[in-house]
Structures are given as structure tokens and as C-alpha cells.
All heavy atoms as atom14 arrays in JSON, in Angstrom:
{
  "sequence": "DQNRIRVVYRMEITGTGADEAGPQIGPGITADWPETMASLAELAL",
  "atom14_mask": [
    [1, 1, 1, 1, 1, 1, 1, 1, 0, 0, 0, 0, 0, 0],
    [1, 1, 1, 1, 1, 1, 1, 1, 1, 0, 0, 0, 0, 0],
    [1, 1, 1, 1, 1, 1, 1, 1, 0, 0, 0, 0, 0, 0],
    [1, 1, 1, 1, 1, 1, 1, 1, 1, 1, 1, 0, 0, 0],
    [1, 1, 1, 1, 1, 1, 1, 1, 0, 0, 0, 0, 0, 0],
    [1, 1, 1, 1, 1, 1, 1, 1, 1, 1, 1, 0, 0, 0],
    [1, 1, 1, 1, 1, 1, 1, 0, 0, 0, 0, 0, 0, 0],
    [1, 1, 1, 1, 1, 1, 1, 0, 0, 0, 0, 0, 0, 0],
    [1, 1, 1, 1, 1, 1, 1, 1, 1, 1, 1, 1, 0, 0],
    [1, 1, 1, 1, 1, 1, 1, 1, 1, 1, 1, 0, 0, 0],
    [1, 1, 1, 1, 1, 1, 1, 1, 0, 0, 0, 0, 0, 0],
    [1, 1, 1, 1, 1, 1, 1, 1, 1, 0, 0, 0, 0, 0],
    [1, 1, 1, 1, 1, 1, 1, 1, 0, 0, 0, 0, 0, 0],
    [1, 1, 1, 1, 1, 1, 1, 0, 0, 0, 0, 0, 0, 0],
    [1, 1, 1, 1, 0, 0, 0, 0, 0, 0, 0, 0, 0, 0],
    [1, 1, 1, 1, 1, 1, 1, 0, 0, 0, 0, 0, 0, 0],
    [1, 1, 1, 1, 0, 0, 0, 0, 0, 0, 0, 0, 0, 0],
    [1, 1, 1, 1, 1, 0, 0, 0, 0, 0, 0, 0, 0, 0],
    [1, 1, 1, 1, 1, 1, 1, 1, 0, 0, 0, 0, 0, 0],
    [1, 1, 1, 1, 1, 1, 1, 1, 1, 0, 0, 0, 0, 0],
    [1, 1, 1, 1, 1, 0, 0, 0, 0, 0, 0, 0, 0, 0],
    [1, 1, 1, 1, 0, 0, 0, 0, 0, 0, 0, 0, 0, 0],
    [1, 1, 1, 1, 1, 1, 1, 0, 0, 0, 0, 0, 0, 0],
    [1, 1, 1, 1, 1, 1, 1, 1, 1, 0, 0, 0, 0, 0],
    [1, 1, 1, 1, 1, 1, 1, 1, 0, 0, 0, 0, 0, 0],
    [1, 1, 1, 1, 0, 0, 0, 0, 0, 0, 0, 0, 0, 0],
    [1, 1, 1, 1, 1, 1, 1, 0, 0, 0, 0, 0, 0, 0],
    [1, 1, 1, 1, 0, 0, 0, 0, 0, 0, 0, 0, 0, 0],
    [1, 1, 1, 1, 1, 1, 1, 1, 0, 0, 0, 0, 0, 0],
    [1, 1, 1, 1, 1, 1, 1, 0, 0, 0, 0, 0, 0, 0],
    [1, 1, 1, 1, 1, 0, 0, 0, 0, 0, 0, 0, 0, 0],
    [1, 1, 1, 1, 1, 1, 1, 1, 0, 0, 0, 0, 0, 0],
    [1, 1, 1, 1, 1, 1, 1, 1, 1, 1, 1, 1, 1, 1],
    [1, 1, 1, 1, 1, 1, 1, 0, 0, 0, 0, 0, 0, 0],
    [1, 1, 1, 1, 1, 1, 1, 1, 1, 0, 0, 0, 0, 0],
    [1, 1, 1, 1, 1, 1, 1, 0, 0, 0, 0, 0, 0, 0],
    [1, 1, 1, 1, 1, 1, 1, 1, 0, 0, 0, 0, 0, 0],
    [1, 1, 1, 1, 1, 0, 0, 0, 0, 0, 0, 0, 0, 0],
    [1, 1, 1, 1, 1, 1, 0, 0, 0, 0, 0, 0, 0, 0],
    [1, 1, 1, 1, 1, 1, 1, 1, 0, 0, 0, 0, 0, 0],
    [1, 1, 1, 1, 1, 0, 0, 0, 0, 0, 0, 0, 0, 0],
    [1, 1, 1, 1, 1, 1, 1, 1, 1, 0, 0, 0, 0, 0],
    [1, 1, 1, 1, 1, 1, 1, 1, 0, 0, 0, 0, 0, 0],
    [1, 1, 1, 1, 1, 0, 0, 0, 0, 0, 0, 0, 0, 0],
    [1, 1, 1, 1, 1, 1, 1, 1, 0, 0, 0, 0, 0, 0]
  ],
  "atom14_positions": [
    [[21.3, -29.75, -0.07], [22.09, -30.65, 0.78], [23.59, -30.29, 0.55], [23.88, -29.27, -0.01], [21.75, -32.12, 0.51], [22.08, -32.52, -0.96], [23.04, -32.02, -1.56], [21.34, -33.44, -1.42], [0.0, 0.0, 0.0], [0.0, 0.0, 0.0], [0.0, 0.0, 0.0], [0.0, 0.0, 0.0], [0.0, 0.0, 0.0], [0.0, 0.0, 0.0]],
    [[24.48, -31.16, 0.96], [25.9, -30.82, 0.88], [26.39, -30.68, -0.59], [27.32, -30.04, -0.86], [26.7, -31.89, 1.55], [28.06, -31.45, 1.99], [28.65, -32.25, 3.2], [27.98, -33.14, 3.68], [29.85, -31.92, 3.59], [0.0, 0.0, 0.0], [0.0, 0.0, 0.0], [0.0, 0.0, 0.0], [0.0, 0.0, 0.0], [0.0, 0.0, 0.0]],
    [[25.66, -31.33, -1.49], [26.16, -31.39, -2.91], [25.26, -30.65, -3.87], [25.63, -30.61, -5.07], [26.36, -32.82, -3.33], [27.37, -33.59, -2.52], [28.41, -33.07, -2.24], [26.99, -34.74, -2.03], [0.0, 0.0, 0.0], [0.0, 0.0, 0.0], [0.0, 0.0, 0.0], [0.0, 0.0, 0.0], [0.0, 0.0, 0.0], [0.0, 0.0, 0.0]],
    [[24.09, -30.12, -3.43], [23.13, -29.47, -4.41], [22.63, -28.19, -3.81], [22.43, -28.01, -2.57], [21.99, -30.43, -4.69], [22.36, -31.78, -5.11], [21.98, -32.3, -6.47], [21.04, -31.62, -7.28], [21.23, -31.37, -8.55], [22.42, -31.62, -9.11], [20.29, -30.87, -9.37], [0.0, 0.0, 0.0], [0.0, 0.0, 0.0], [0.0, 0.0, 0.0]],
    [[22.42, -27.29, -4.76], [21.76, -26.0, -4.4], [20.64, -25.77, -5.36], [20.45, -26.38, -6.4], [22.74, -24.82, -4.45], [23.26, -24.61, -5.89], [23.86, -24.93, -3.44], [24.09, -23.35, -6.14], [0.0, 0.0, 0.0], [0.0, 0.0, 0.0], [0.0, 0.0, 0.0], [0.0, 0.0, 0.0], [0.0, 0.0, 0.0], [0.0, 0.0, 0.0]],
    [[19.7, -24.88, -4.94], [18.65, -24.36, -5.7], [18.89, -22.89, -6.01], [19.11, -22.13, -5.04], [17.31, -24.55, -5.05], [16.12, -24.07, -5.88], [14.75, -24.35, -5.13], [14.58, -25.81, -5.09], [14.66, -26.5, -3.87], [14.85, -25.87, -2.72], [14.38, -27.82, -3.83], [0.0, 0.0, 0.0], [0.0, 0.0, 0.0], [0.0, 0.0, 0.0]],
    [[18.91, -22.54, -7.25], [19.03, -21.11, -7.67], [17.64, -20.65, -7.94], [16.87, -21.25, -8.75], [19.96, -20.94, -8.84], [20.11, -19.43, -9.23], [21.38, -21.58, -8.57], [0.0, 0.0, 0.0], [0.0, 0.0, 0.0], [0.0, 0.0, 0.0], [0.0, 0.0, 0.0], [0.0, 0.0, 0.0], [0.0, 0.0, 0.0], [0.0, 0.0, 0.0]],
    [[17.22, -19.51, -7.33], [15.91, -19.01, -7.42], [15.91, -17.62, -7.91], [16.63, -16.78, -7.35], [15.11, -19.08, -6.02], [13.66, -18.52, -6.22], [15.21, -20.41, -5.46], [0.0, 0.0, 0.0], [0.0, 0.0, 0.0], [0.0, 0.0, 0.0], [0.0, 0.0, 0.0], [0.0, 0.0, 0.0], [0.0, 0.0, 0.0], [0.0, 0.0, 0.0]],
    [[15.09, -17.3, -8.96], [14.83, -15.91, -9.41], [13.34, -15.67, -9.13], [12.49, -16.38, -9.54], [15.11, -15.76, -10.88], [16.56, -15.63, -11.32], [17.57, -16.07, -10.49], [16.89, -15.1, -12.52], [18.93, -16.01, -10.92], [18.21, -15.01, -12.99], [19.18, -15.47, -12.17], [20.51, -15.41, -12.59], [0.0, 0.0, 0.0], [0.0, 0.0, 0.0]],
    [[13.11, -14.52, -8.47], [11.75, -14.17, -8.2], [11.55, -12.63, -8.56], [12.24, -11.74, -8.07], [11.43, -14.34, -6.75], [10.03, -13.87, -6.36], [9.82, -14.17, -4.86], [8.48, -13.68, -4.48], [7.29, -14.29, -4.74], [7.34, -15.5, -5.41], [6.18, -13.81, -4.36], [0.0, 0.0, 0.0], [0.0, 0.0, 0.0], [0.0, 0.0, 0.0]],
    [[10.56, -12.35, -9.39], [10.21, -10.98, -9.73], [8.86, -10.62, -9.08], [7.89, -11.41, -9.18], [10.12, -10.77, -11.23], [9.66, -9.39, -11.54], [9.76, -8.98, -13.3], [11.49, -8.52, -13.32], [0.0, 0.0, 0.0], [0.0, 0.0, 0.0], [0.0, 0.0, 0.0], [0.0, 0.0, 0.0], [0.0, 0.0, 0.0], [0.0, 0.0, 0.0]],
    [[8.83, -9.43, -8.55], [7.58, -8.85, -8.06], [7.42, -7.46, -8.69], [8.35, -6.62, -8.59], [7.63, -8.71, -6.52], [7.63, -10.06, -5.8], [7.79, -9.92, -4.31], [8.0, -8.78, -3.84], [7.74, -10.92, -3.64], [0.0, 0.0, 0.0], [0.0, 0.0, 0.0], [0.0, 0.0, 0.0], [0.0, 0.0, 0.0], [0.0, 0.0, 0.0]],
    [[6.25, -7.25, -9.27], [5.94, -5.9, -9.87], [4.86, -5.28, -9.0], [3.77, -5.87, -8.85], [5.57, -6.01, -11.33], [6.64, -6.71, -12.11], [5.17, -4.68, -11.87], [6.3, -6.92, -13.61], [0.0, 0.0, 0.0], [0.0, 0.0, 0.0], [0.0, 0.0, 0.0], [0.0, 0.0, 0.0], [0.0, 0.0, 0.0], [0.0, 0.0, 0.0]],
    [[5.19, -4.12, -8.39], [4.24, -3.43, -7.56], [4.12, -2.0, -8.06], [4.91, -1.53, -8.85], [4.67, -3.47, -6.03], [5.96, -2.92, -5.92], [4.64, -4.9, -5.54], [0.0, 0.0, 0.0], [0.0, 0.0, 0.0], [0.0, 0.0, 0.0], [0.0, 0.0, 0.0], [0.0, 0.0, 0.0], [0.0, 0.0, 0.0], [0.0, 0.0, 0.0]],
    [[3.13, -1.31, -7.44], [2.97, 0.09, -7.76], [1.64, 0.35, -8.5], [0.89, -0.51, -8.69], [0.0, 0.0, 0.0], [0.0, 0.0, 0.0], [0.0, 0.0, 0.0], [0.0, 0.0, 0.0], [0.0, 0.0, 0.0], [0.0, 0.0, 0.0], [0.0, 0.0, 0.0], [0.0, 0.0, 0.0], [0.0, 0.0, 0.0], [0.0, 0.0, 0.0]],
    [[1.47, 1.64, -8.9], [0.3, 2.05, -9.51], [0.07, 1.31, -10.82], [0.91, 1.35, -11.73], [0.33, 3.58, -9.82], [0.61, 4.29, -8.6], [-0.97, 4.08, -10.42], [0.0, 0.0, 0.0], [0.0, 0.0, 0.0], [0.0, 0.0, 0.0], [0.0, 0.0, 0.0], [0.0, 0.0, 0.0], [0.0, 0.0, 0.0], [0.0, 0.0, 0.0]],
    [[-1.0, 0.58, -10.92], [-1.36, -0.17, -12.12], [-0.67, -1.46, -12.28], [-0.67, -2.16, -13.36], [0.0, 0.0, 0.0], [0.0, 0.0, 0.0], [0.0, 0.0, 0.0], [0.0, 0.0, 0.0], [0.0, 0.0, 0.0], [0.0, 0.0, 0.0], [0.0, 0.0, 0.0], [0.0, 0.0, 0.0], [0.0, 0.0, 0.0], [0.0, 0.0, 0.0]],
    [[0.03, -1.99, -11.23], [0.74, -3.24, -11.31], [-0.13, -4.42, -11.65], [0.29, -5.31, -12.4], [1.53, -3.55, -10.04], [0.0, 0.0, 0.0], [0.0, 0.0, 0.0], [0.0, 0.0, 0.0], [0.0, 0.0, 0.0], [0.0, 0.0, 0.0], [0.0, 0.0, 0.0], [0.0, 0.0, 0.0], [0.0, 0.0, 0.0], [0.0, 0.0, 0.0]],
    [[-1.35, -4.44, -11.2], [-2.26, -5.55, -11.47], [-2.56, -5.64, -13.02], [-2.77, -6.74, -13.54], [-3.59, -5.4, -10.74], [-3.39, -5.58, -9.2], [-2.42, -6.22, -8.84], [-4.34, -5.19, -8.45], [0.0, 0.0, 0.0], [0.0, 0.0, 0.0], [0.0, 0.0, 0.0], [0.0, 0.0, 0.0], [0.0, 0.0, 0.0], [0.0, 0.0, 0.0]],
    [[-2.58, -4.46, -13.68], [-2.79, -4.48, -15.14], [-1.51, -4.6, -15.9], [-1.37, -5.44, -16.87], [-3.52, -3.19, -15.57], [-4.97, -3.06, -15.02], [-4.91, -2.53, -13.59], [-4.12, -1.72, -13.22], [-5.86, -2.97, -12.81], [0.0, 0.0, 0.0], [0.0, 0.0, 0.0], [0.0, 0.0, 0.0], [0.0, 0.0, 0.0], [0.0, 0.0, 0.0]],
    [[-0.51, -3.8, -15.48], [0.79, -3.79, -16.24], [1.6, -5.07, -16.06], [2.26, -5.5, -16.95], [1.57, -2.56, -15.82], [0.0, 0.0, 0.0], [0.0, 0.0, 0.0], [0.0, 0.0, 0.0], [0.0, 0.0, 0.0], [0.0, 0.0, 0.0], [0.0, 0.0, 0.0], [0.0, 0.0, 0.0], [0.0, 0.0, 0.0], [0.0, 0.0, 0.0]],
    [[1.53, -5.59, -14.79], [2.39, -6.77, -14.53], [2.18, -7.85, -15.47], [3.11, -8.43, -16.06], [0.0, 0.0, 0.0], [0.0, 0.0, 0.0], [0.0, 0.0, 0.0], [0.0, 0.0, 0.0], [0.0, 0.0, 0.0], [0.0, 0.0, 0.0], [0.0, 0.0, 0.0], [0.0, 0.0, 0.0], [0.0, 0.0, 0.0], [0.0, 0.0, 0.0]],
    [[0.94, -8.35, -15.72], [0.63, -9.44, -16.64], [1.06, -9.12, -18.07], [1.24, -9.99, -18.91], [-0.81, -9.78, -16.56], [-1.18, -9.21, -15.22], [-0.29, -7.99, -14.97], [0.0, 0.0, 0.0], [0.0, 0.0, 0.0], [0.0, 0.0, 0.0], [0.0, 0.0, 0.0], [0.0, 0.0, 0.0], [0.0, 0.0, 0.0], [0.0, 0.0, 0.0]],
    [[1.11, -7.84, -18.39], [1.5, -7.39, -19.77], [3.01, -7.43, -19.97], [3.46, -7.86, -21.01], [0.97, -6.0, -20.07], [-0.59, -5.96, -20.12], [-1.07, -4.53, -20.24], [-0.38, -3.59, -20.34], [-2.43, -4.4, -20.31], [0.0, 0.0, 0.0], [0.0, 0.0, 0.0], [0.0, 0.0, 0.0], [0.0, 0.0, 0.0], [0.0, 0.0, 0.0]],
    [[3.74, -6.9, -19.0], [5.2, -6.78, -19.19], [6.0, -7.88, -18.53], [7.07, -8.27, -18.99], [5.71, -5.44, -18.67], [5.54, -5.2, -17.21], [5.11, -4.29, -19.5], [6.16, -3.96, -16.63], [0.0, 0.0, 0.0], [0.0, 0.0, 0.0], [0.0, 0.0, 0.0], [0.0, 0.0, 0.0], [0.0, 0.0, 0.0], [0.0, 0.0, 0.0]],
    [[5.51, -8.41, -17.41], [6.22, -9.43, -16.65], [6.67, -10.67, -17.43], [7.79, -11.07, -17.37], [0.0, 0.0, 0.0], [0.0, 0.0, 0.0], [0.0, 0.0, 0.0], [0.0, 0.0, 0.0], [0.0, 0.0, 0.0], [0.0, 0.0, 0.0], [0.0, 0.0, 0.0], [0.0, 0.0, 0.0], [0.0, 0.0, 0.0], [0.0, 0.0, 0.0]],
    [[5.66, -11.33, -18.08], [6.05, -12.51, -18.86], [7.14, -12.31, -19.88], [7.96, -13.18, -20.12], [4.71, -12.96, -19.53], [3.66, -12.45, -18.59], [4.23, -11.13, -18.07], [0.0, 0.0, 0.0], [0.0, 0.0, 0.0], [0.0, 0.0, 0.0], [0.0, 0.0, 0.0], [0.0, 0.0, 0.0], [0.0, 0.0, 0.0], [0.0, 0.0, 0.0]],
    [[7.18, -11.13, -20.53], [8.2, -10.84, -21.53], [9.6, -10.67, -20.83], [10.61, -11.03, -21.39], [0.0, 0.0, 0.0], [0.0, 0.0, 0.0], [0.0, 0.0, 0.0], [0.0, 0.0, 0.0], [0.0, 0.0, 0.0], [0.0, 0.0, 0.0], [0.0, 0.0, 0.0], [0.0, 0.0, 0.0], [0.0, 0.0, 0.0], [0.0, 0.0, 0.0]],
    [[9.62, -10.14, -19.64], [10.83, -9.91, -18.88], [11.41, -11.24, -18.44], [12.63, -11.49, -18.42], [10.65, -8.94, -17.71], [10.27, -7.58, -18.28], [11.92, -8.85, -16.85], [9.79, -6.58, -17.14], [0.0, 0.0, 0.0], [0.0, 0.0, 0.0], [0.0, 0.0, 0.0], [0.0, 0.0, 0.0], [0.0, 0.0, 0.0], [0.0, 0.0, 0.0]],
    [[10.49, -12.13, -17.94], [10.97, -13.38, -17.31], [11.01, -14.57, -18.27], [11.5, -15.67, -17.89], [9.99, -13.73, -16.15], [8.69, -13.86, -16.64], [10.05, -12.63, -15.1], [0.0, 0.0, 0.0], [0.0, 0.0, 0.0], [0.0, 0.0, 0.0], [0.0, 0.0, 0.0], [0.0, 0.0, 0.0], [0.0, 0.0, 0.0], [0.0, 0.0, 0.0]],
    [[10.65, -14.36, -19.49], [10.55, -15.49, -20.47], [11.83, -16.23, -20.63], [11.84, -17.44, -20.85], [10.0, -15.02, -21.78], [0.0, 0.0, 0.0], [0.0, 0.0, 0.0], [0.0, 0.0, 0.0], [0.0, 0.0, 0.0], [0.0, 0.0, 0.0], [0.0, 0.0, 0.0], [0.0, 0.0, 0.0], [0.0, 0.0, 0.0], [0.0, 0.0, 0.0]],
    [[12.96, -15.54, -20.56], [14.27, -16.22, -20.83], [14.9, -16.74, -19.57], [15.95, -17.33, -19.56], [15.21, -15.17, -21.4], [15.64, -14.05, -20.45], [14.82, -13.63, -19.69], [16.85, -13.71, -20.44], [0.0, 0.0, 0.0], [0.0, 0.0, 0.0], [0.0, 0.0, 0.0], [0.0, 0.0, 0.0], [0.0, 0.0, 0.0], [0.0, 0.0, 0.0]],
    [[14.29, -16.65, -18.4], [14.87, -17.1, -17.17], [15.27, -18.59, -17.19], [16.34, -18.92, -16.72], [13.95, -16.76, -15.97], [13.91, -15.37, -15.53], [14.58, -14.31, -16.14], [13.4, -14.8, -14.38], [14.4, -13.15, -15.44], [13.63, -13.41, -14.35], [12.62, -15.34, -13.3], [13.18, -12.56, -13.3], [12.18, -14.55, -12.28], [12.5, -13.16, -12.33]],
    [[14.38, -19.47, -17.68], [14.89, -20.87, -17.7], [16.21, -21.09, -18.48], [17.08, -21.78, -17.99], [13.72, -21.67, -18.31], [12.5, -20.77, -18.0], [13.0, -19.39, -18.09], [0.0, 0.0, 0.0], [0.0, 0.0, 0.0], [0.0, 0.0, 0.0], [0.0, 0.0, 0.0], [0.0, 0.0, 0.0], [0.0, 0.0, 0.0], [0.0, 0.0, 0.0]],
    [[16.28, -20.52, -19.63], [17.54, -20.65, -20.42], [18.64, -19.88, -19.78], [19.84, -20.42, -19.71], [17.37, -20.14, -21.84], [16.33, -20.92, -22.64], [14.89, -20.51, -22.41], [14.61, -19.46, -21.76], [13.99, -21.24, -22.78], [0.0, 0.0, 0.0], [0.0, 0.0, 0.0], [0.0, 0.0, 0.0], [0.0, 0.0, 0.0], [0.0, 0.0, 0.0]],
    [[18.43, -18.7, -19.29], [19.46, -17.95, -18.66], [20.04, -18.65, -17.41], [21.23, -18.75, -17.21], [19.01, -16.54, -18.22], [18.63, -15.89, -19.44], [20.02, -15.76, -17.51], [0.0, 0.0, 0.0], [0.0, 0.0, 0.0], [0.0, 0.0, 0.0], [0.0, 0.0, 0.0], [0.0, 0.0, 0.0], [0.0, 0.0, 0.0], [0.0, 0.0, 0.0]],
    [[19.21, -19.17, -16.63], [19.58, -19.84, -15.3], [20.32, -21.16, -15.63], [21.27, -21.49, -14.99], [18.38, -20.08, -14.47], [17.82, -18.77, -13.97], [16.17, -18.92, -13.15], [16.74, -19.68, -11.57], [0.0, 0.0, 0.0], [0.0, 0.0, 0.0], [0.0, 0.0, 0.0], [0.0, 0.0, 0.0], [0.0, 0.0, 0.0], [0.0, 0.0, 0.0]],
    [[19.88, -21.88, -16.75], [20.57, -23.06, -17.09], [22.0, -22.73, -17.57], [22.98, -23.41, -17.19], [19.76, -23.78, -18.23], [0.0, 0.0, 0.0], [0.0, 0.0, 0.0], [0.0, 0.0, 0.0], [0.0, 0.0, 0.0], [0.0, 0.0, 0.0], [0.0, 0.0, 0.0], [0.0, 0.0, 0.0], [0.0, 0.0, 0.0], [0.0, 0.0, 0.0]],
    [[22.14, -21.67, -18.29], [23.48, -21.23, -18.78], [24.34, -20.83, -17.62], [25.5, -21.14, -17.55], [23.38, -20.08, -19.76], [22.72, -20.38, -20.94], [0.0, 0.0, 0.0], [0.0, 0.0, 0.0], [0.0, 0.0, 0.0], [0.0, 0.0, 0.0], [0.0, 0.0, 0.0], [0.0, 0.0, 0.0], [0.0, 0.0, 0.0], [0.0, 0.0, 0.0]],
    [[23.74, -20.15, -16.62], [24.5, -19.73, -15.45], [25.04, -20.99, -14.73], [26.18, -21.04, -14.39], [23.54, -18.94, -14.51], [24.08, -18.61, -13.13], [25.19, -17.56, -13.2], [22.94, -18.17, -12.27], [0.0, 0.0, 0.0], [0.0, 0.0, 0.0], [0.0, 0.0, 0.0], [0.0, 0.0, 0.0], [0.0, 0.0, 0.0], [0.0, 0.0, 0.0]],
    [[24.11, -21.93, -14.48], [24.51, -23.13, -13.78], [25.61, -23.92, -14.56], [26.54, -24.4, -13.93], [23.28, -23.99, -13.48], [0.0, 0.0, 0.0], [0.0, 0.0, 0.0], [0.0, 0.0, 0.0], [0.0, 0.0, 0.0], [0.0, 0.0, 0.0], [0.0, 0.0, 0.0], [0.0, 0.0, 0.0], [0.0, 0.0, 0.0], [0.0, 0.0, 0.0]],
    [[25.46, -24.03, -15.85], [26.4, -24.77, -16.61], [27.8, -24.1, -16.56], [28.78, -24.76, -16.35], [25.91, -24.8, -18.13], [26.85, -25.5, -19.04], [26.37, -25.46, -20.46], [25.15, -25.48, -20.68], [27.24, -25.39, -21.38], [0.0, 0.0, 0.0], [0.0, 0.0, 0.0], [0.0, 0.0, 0.0], [0.0, 0.0, 0.0], [0.0, 0.0, 0.0]],
    [[27.85, -22.81, -16.69], [29.07, -22.11, -16.6], [29.72, -22.22, -15.17], [30.93, -22.32, -15.0], [28.91, -20.57, -16.91], [30.14, -19.75, -17.09], [31.16, -20.34, -18.07], [29.8, -18.28, -17.41], [0.0, 0.0, 0.0], [0.0, 0.0, 0.0], [0.0, 0.0, 0.0], [0.0, 0.0, 0.0], [0.0, 0.0, 0.0], [0.0, 0.0, 0.0]],
    [[28.87, -22.21, -14.16], [29.4, -22.35, -12.76], [30.0, -23.7, -12.51], [30.81, -23.9, -11.61], [28.24, -22.09, -11.8], [0.0, 0.0, 0.0], [0.0, 0.0, 0.0], [0.0, 0.0, 0.0], [0.0, 0.0, 0.0], [0.0, 0.0, 0.0], [0.0, 0.0, 0.0], [0.0, 0.0, 0.0], [0.0, 0.0, 0.0], [0.0, 0.0, 0.0]],
    [[29.62, -24.71, -13.28], [30.15, -26.05, -13.1], [31.55, -26.2, -13.74], [32.22, -27.22, -13.47], [29.22, -27.15, -13.69], [27.94, -27.32, -12.86], [26.89, -28.13, -13.65], [28.26, -27.97, -11.53], [0.0, 0.0, 0.0], [0.0, 0.0, 0.0], [0.0, 0.0, 0.0], [0.0, 0.0, 0.0], [0.0, 0.0, 0.0], [0.0, 0.0, 0.0]]
  ]
}
């Protein structure tokens, strides 16, 4: 709305072996997103 935004991060892993590799590497890459995005929003304020 006029006073609020949603910040969205979305990762997609595709390619050869993505169905196997994605669940192995993806969670490690994205694990810090909640803290990182909270820090981003705090600094932006």
C-alpha cells in the first residue's frame, strides 16, 4: 500500500542434477536470508 512494501528474495536452481543438488546446496545458501533481509530493511529505515 502507500506506506508498506514487501521485499522478496527468490532462488531457483536449475540444470543438470538440480533435483539432487538443489536440496543439498540451496538451504545453505538461503539460510541467512531472514536475518540479511531484516538488516537490509532496518538500514533502509
